[in-house]
C-alpha atoms as a PDB file:
ATOM      1  CA  MET A   1     -46.914 -60.979 -42.271  1.00  0.00           C
ATOM      2  CA  PRO A   2     -44.548 -63.461 -43.880  1.00  0.00           C
ATOM      3  CA  ASP A   3     -40.841 -63.475 -43.119  1.00  0.00           C
ATOM      4  CA  PRO A   4     -38.912 -62.262 -46.199  1.00  0.00           C
ATOM      5  CA  ALA A   5     -36.297 -64.992 -45.624  1.00  0.00           C
ATOM      6  CA  ALA A   6     -38.894 -67.804 -45.583  1.00  0.00           C
ATOM      7  CA  GLU A   7     -39.098 -70.225 -48.498  1.00  0.00           C
ATOM      8  CA  LEU A   8     -41.465 -69.401 -51.354  1.00  0.00           C
ATOM      9  CA  ILE A   9     -43.385 -72.128 -53.144  1.00  0.00           C
ATOM     10  CA  ARG A  10     -45.918 -72.085 -55.960  1.00  0.00           C
ATOM     11  CA  LEU A  11     -49.547 -72.204 -54.908  1.00  0.00           C
ATOM     12  CA  ALA A  12     -49.898 -75.317 -57.066  1.00  0.00           C
ATOM     13  CA  ASP A  13     -47.402 -77.082 -54.743  1.00  0.00           C
ATOM     14  CA  LEU A  14     -49.009 -75.992 -51.461  1.00  0.00           C
ATOM     15  CA  PRO A  15     -50.215 -79.033 -49.483  1.00  0.00           C
ATOM     16  CA  HIS A  16     -53.927 -79.354 -48.744  1.00  0.00           C
ATOM     17  CA  ASP A  17     -55.069 -77.570 -45.532  1.00  0.00           C
ATOM     18  CA  THR A  18     -51.758 -75.720 -45.115  1.00  0.00           C
ATOM     19  CA  ALA A  19     -52.180 -72.041 -44.320  1.00  0.00           C
ATOM     20  CA  ALA A  20     -50.032 -69.680 -46.379  1.00  0.00           C
ATOM     21  CA  TYR A  21     -49.541 -66.018 -47.142  1.00  0.00           C
ATOM     22  CA  LEU A  22     -49.739 -64.785 -50.709  1.00  0.00           C
ATOM     23  CA  THR A  23     -46.237 -63.421 -51.190  1.00  0.00           C
ATOM     24  CA  GLU A  24     -45.767 -62.750 -54.883  1.00  0.00           C
ATOM     25  CA  ILE A  25     -47.793 -62.703 -58.103  1.00  0.00           C
ATOM     26  CA  ARG A  26     -45.588 -63.574 -61.064  1.00  0.00           C
ATOM     27  CA  GLY A  27     -47.979 -62.471 -63.731  1.00  0.00           C
ATOM     28  CA  GLY A  28     -48.952 -59.339 -65.528  1.00  0.00           C
ATOM     29  CA  HIS A  29     -51.009 -56.372 -64.464  1.00  0.00           C
ATOM     30  CA  HIS A  30     -54.210 -58.043 -65.697  1.00  0.00           C
ATOM     31  CA  LEU A  31     -53.696 -61.090 -63.452  1.00  0.00           C
ATOM     32  CA  THR A  32     -52.877 -58.910 -60.449  1.00  0.00           C
ATOM     33  CA  ARG A  33     -56.065 -56.887 -60.937  1.00  0.00           C
ATOM     34  CA  ARG A  34     -58.119 -60.058 -61.411  1.00  0.00           C
ATOM     35  CA  LEU A  35     -56.794 -61.529 -58.166  1.00  0.00           C
ATOM     36  CA  LEU A  36     -57.440 -58.265 -56.321  1.00  0.00           C
ATOM     37  CA  ALA A  37     -61.046 -58.378 -57.539  1.00  0.00           C
ATOM     38  CA  LEU A  38     -61.318 -61.897 -56.064  1.00  0.00           C
ATOM     39  CA  GLY A  39     -59.942 -60.679 -52.744  1.00  0.00           C
ATOM     40  CA  LEU A  40     -56.442 -62.150 -53.083  1.00  0.00           C
ATOM     41  CA  ARG A  41     -53.767 -59.595 -52.212  1.00  0.00           C
ATOM     42  CA  GLN A  42     -50.139 -59.810 -51.235  1.00  0.00           C
ATOM     43  CA  GLY A  43     -50.003 -60.646 -47.546  1.00  0.00           C
ATOM     44  CA  CYS A  44     -53.446 -62.275 -47.331  1.00  0.00           C
ATOM     45  CA  LEU A  45     -53.725 -65.577 -45.476  1.00  0.00           C
ATOM     46  CA  PHE A  46     -55.523 -68.533 -47.054  1.00  0.00           C
ATOM     47  CA  SER A  47     -55.393 -72.308 -47.461  1.00  0.00           C
ATOM     48  CA  VAL A  48     -56.202 -74.868 -50.146  1.00  0.00           C
ATOM     49  CA  VAL A  49     -59.460 -76.571 -49.156  1.00  0.00           C
ATOM     50  CA  GLN A  50     -60.096 -78.570 -52.316  1.00  0.00           C
ATOM     51  CA  ARG A  51     -58.308 -79.711 -55.468  1.00  0.00           C
ATOM     52  CA  ARG A  52     -60.447 -80.069 -58.587  1.00  0.00           C
ATOM     53  CA  SER A  53     -58.516 -81.770 -61.403  1.00  0.00           C
ATOM     54  CA  GLN A  54     -55.989 -79.018 -62.181  1.00  0.00           C
ATOM     55  CA  GLY A  55     -57.719 -76.207 -60.249  1.00  0.00           C
ATOM     56  CA  LEU A  56     -57.819 -75.299 -56.577  1.00  0.00           C
ATOM     57  CA  VAL A  57     -60.422 -73.946 -54.179  1.00  0.00           C
ATOM     58  CA  LEU A  58     -58.957 -71.550 -51.633  1.00  0.00           C
ATOM     59  CA  ALA A  59     -60.392 -70.430 -48.299  1.00  0.00           C
ATOM     60  CA  SER A  60     -59.656 -66.903 -47.138  1.00  0.00           C
ATOM     61  CA  GLY A  61     -61.743 -65.983 -44.127  1.00  0.00           C
ATOM     62  CA  GLU A  62     -65.337 -66.825 -45.028  1.00  0.00           C
ATOM     63  CA  ALA A  63     -64.676 -66.567 -48.791  1.00  0.00           C
ATOM     64  CA  ARG A  64     -64.058 -69.507 -51.123  1.00  0.00           C
ATOM     65  CA  ILE A  65     -62.155 -68.725 -54.315  1.00  0.00           C
ATOM     66  CA  ALA A  66     -61.544 -71.075 -57.251  1.00  0.00           C
ATOM     67  CA  VAL A  67     -58.392 -70.649 -59.334  1.00  0.00           C
ATOM     68  CA  GLY A  68     -57.198 -72.613 -62.346  1.00  0.00           C
ATOM     69  CA  ALA A  69     -53.899 -74.406 -62.760  1.00  0.00           C
ATOM     70  CA  GLY A  70     -52.355 -71.609 -64.827  1.00  0.00           C
ATOM     71  CA  ILE A  71     -53.038 -69.034 -62.136  1.00  0.00           C
ATOM     72  CA  ALA A  72     -51.867 -71.412 -59.377  1.00  0.00           C
ATOM     73  CA  GLU A  73     -48.497 -71.634 -61.163  1.00  0.00           C
ATOM     74  CA  LYS A  74     -48.083 -67.832 -61.091  1.00  0.00           C
ATOM     75  CA  ILE A  75     -48.913 -67.294 -57.412  1.00  0.00           C
ATOM     76  CA  TRP A  76     -46.048 -67.777 -54.966  1.00  0.00           C
ATOM     77  CA  VAL A  77     -46.809 -68.287 -51.290  1.00  0.00           C
ATOM     78  CA  THR A  78     -45.069 -68.577 -47.926  1.00  0.00           C
ATOM     79  CA  PRO A  79     -46.489 -71.496 -45.934  1.00  0.00           C
ATOM     80  CA  THR A  80     -47.082 -70.745 -42.265  1.00  0.00           C
ATOM     81  CA  VAL A  81     -45.196 -73.969 -41.463  1.00  0.00           C
ATOM     82  CA  ALA A  82     -42.047 -72.271 -42.797  1.00  0.00           C
ATOM     83  CA  LEU A  83     -42.833 -69.246 -40.643  1.00  0.00           C
ATOM     84  CA  ALA A  84     -43.250 -71.380 -37.537  1.00  0.00           C
ATOM     85  CA  ALA A  85     -39.926 -73.109 -38.206  1.00  0.00           C
ATOM     86  CA  SER A  86     -38.103 -69.801 -38.713  1.00  0.00           C
ATOM     87  CA  ASP A  87     -39.766 -67.906 -35.837  1.00  0.00           C
ATOM     88  CA  SER A  88     -41.226 -70.028 -33.051  1.00  0.00           C
ATOM     89  CA  SER A  89     -42.439 -66.939 -31.148  1.00  0.00           C
ATOM     90  CA  ASN A  90     -45.192 -66.350 -33.756  1.00  0.00           C
ATOM     91  CA  PRO A  91     -47.422 -69.429 -34.109  1.00  0.00           C
ATOM     92  CA  PRO A  92     -49.302 -69.874 -37.415  1.00  0.00           C
ATOM     93  CA  LEU A  93     -52.792 -68.477 -37.741  1.00  0.00           C
ATOM     94  CA  PRO A  94     -55.765 -70.778 -38.410  1.00  0.00           C
ATOM     95  CA  ALA A  95     -56.178 -71.796 -42.050  1.00  0.00           C
ATOM     96  CA  THR A  96     -59.386 -69.837 -42.514  1.00  0.00           C
ATOM     97  CA  GLY A  97     -58.514 -66.823 -40.344  1.00  0.00           C
ATOM     98  CA  GLU A  98     -57.627 -63.315 -41.371  1.00  0.00           C
ATOM     99  CA  PRO A  99     -54.097 -61.983 -40.832  1.00  0.00           C
ATOM    100  CA  GLY A 100     -54.081 -60.312 -37.500  1.00  0.00           C
END
Protein backbone atom coordinates (compact mmCIF):
# COMPACT_ATOMS: atom_id res chain seq x y z
CA MET A 1 0.00 0.00 0.00
CA PRO A 2 1.23 3.52 -0.69
CA ASP A 3 2.85 5.63 2.00
CA PRO A 4 0.49 8.49 2.95
CA ALA A 5 3.46 10.90 3.05
CA ALA A 6 4.59 10.03 -0.50
CA GLU A 7 4.12 12.55 -3.30
CA LEU A 8 0.92 12.41 -5.33
CA ILE A 9 0.92 13.13 -9.04
CA ARG A 10 -1.79 13.11 -11.69
CA LEU A 11 -2.05 9.96 -13.75
CA ALA A 12 -1.58 12.14 -16.83
CA ASP A 13 1.93 13.04 -15.54
CA LEU A 14 2.99 9.48 -14.68
CA PRO A 15 6.02 8.44 -16.77
CA HIS A 16 5.65 5.50 -19.15
CA ASP A 17 6.35 2.07 -17.54
CA THR A 18 6.38 3.48 -14.00
CA ALA A 19 4.37 1.42 -11.54
CA ALA A 20 2.02 3.40 -9.31
CA TYR A 21 -0.79 2.96 -6.83
CA LEU A 22 -4.12 4.64 -7.43
CA THR A 23 -4.33 6.91 -4.41
CA GLU A 24 -7.18 9.33 -4.99
CA ILE A 25 -10.03 9.92 -7.44
CA ARG A 26 -10.85 13.62 -7.65
CA GLY A 27 -14.12 13.24 -9.44
CA GLY A 28 -17.72 12.61 -8.64
CA HIS A 29 -19.55 9.49 -7.63
CA HIS A 30 -20.23 8.60 -11.28
CA LEU A 31 -16.52 8.60 -12.16
CA THR A 32 -15.65 6.54 -9.09
CA ARG A 33 -18.26 3.92 -10.00
CA ARG A 34 -17.09 3.88 -13.62
CA LEU A 35 -13.49 3.27 -12.56
CA LEU A 36 -14.57 0.54 -10.15
CA ALA A 37 -16.39 -1.17 -13.02
CA LEU A 38 -13.12 -1.08 -15.00
CA GLY A 39 -11.24 -2.62 -12.10
CA LEU A 40 -9.47 0.54 -10.91
CA ARG A 41 -9.78 0.98 -7.15
CA GLN A 42 -7.90 2.97 -4.57
CA GLY A 43 -4.76 1.04 -3.70
CA CYS A 44 -4.55 -0.94 -6.96
CA LEU A 45 -1.16 -1.16 -8.67
CA PHE A 46 -0.82 -0.40 -12.38
CA SER A 47 1.44 1.24 -14.95
CA VAL A 48 1.05 3.24 -18.15
CA VAL A 49 1.90 0.94 -21.06
CA GLN A 50 0.86 3.16 -23.94
CA ARG A 51 -0.03 6.78 -24.67
CA ARG A 52 -2.57 7.37 -27.44
CA SER A 53 -2.82 11.07 -28.33
CA GLN A 54 -4.44 12.38 -25.12
CA GLY A 55 -5.48 8.99 -23.69
CA LEU A 56 -3.58 6.30 -21.82
CA VAL A 57 -3.58 2.51 -21.75
CA LEU A 58 -2.98 1.11 -18.28
CA ALA A 59 -1.85 -2.37 -17.27
CA SER A 60 -3.17 -3.80 -14.02
CA GLY A 61 -2.31 -7.46 -13.69
CA GLU A 62 -3.43 -9.12 -16.92
CA ALA A 63 -6.00 -6.38 -17.68
CA ARG A 64 -5.48 -3.47 -20.07
CA ILE A 65 -7.64 -0.41 -19.46
CA ALA A 66 -7.93 2.67 -21.69
CA VAL A 67 -8.72 6.03 -20.10
CA GLY A 68 -9.15 9.43 -21.71
CA ALA A 69 -7.28 12.61 -20.90
CA GLY A 70 -10.11 14.02 -18.78
CA ILE A 71 -10.16 10.97 -16.54
CA ALA A 72 -6.33 10.88 -16.36
CA GLU A 73 -6.43 14.43 -14.95
CA LYS A 74 -8.78 13.36 -12.12
CA ILE A 75 -6.84 10.29 -10.98
CA TRP A 76 -3.99 10.92 -8.54
CA VAL A 77 -1.35 8.25 -8.05
CA THR A 78 1.68 7.45 -5.89
CA PRO A 79 4.57 6.22 -8.04
CA THR A 80 6.42 3.24 -6.61
CA VAL A 81 9.67 5.17 -7.23
CA ALA A 82 8.54 7.62 -4.52
CA LEU A 83 7.80 4.67 -2.25
CA ALA A 84 11.23 3.17 -2.82
CA ALA A 85 12.89 6.50 -2.04
CA SER A 86 10.88 6.95 1.17
CA ASP A 87 11.12 3.33 2.39
CA SER A 88 14.02 1.30 1.03
CA SER A 89 12.93 -1.81 2.98
CA ASN A 90 9.93 -2.29 0.63
CA PRO A 91 11.08 -2.57 -3.01
CA PRO A 92 8.54 -1.65 -5.72
CA LEU A 93 6.37 -4.37 -7.19
CA PRO A 94 6.56 -5.23 -10.91
CA ALA A 95 4.60 -2.88 -13.17
CA THR A 96 2.04 -5.50 -14.13
CA GLY A 97 1.80 -7.29 -10.77
CA GLU A 98 -0.97 -7.24 -8.23
CA PRO A 99 -0.45 -5.57 -4.84
CA GLY A 100 0.75 -8.23 -2.51
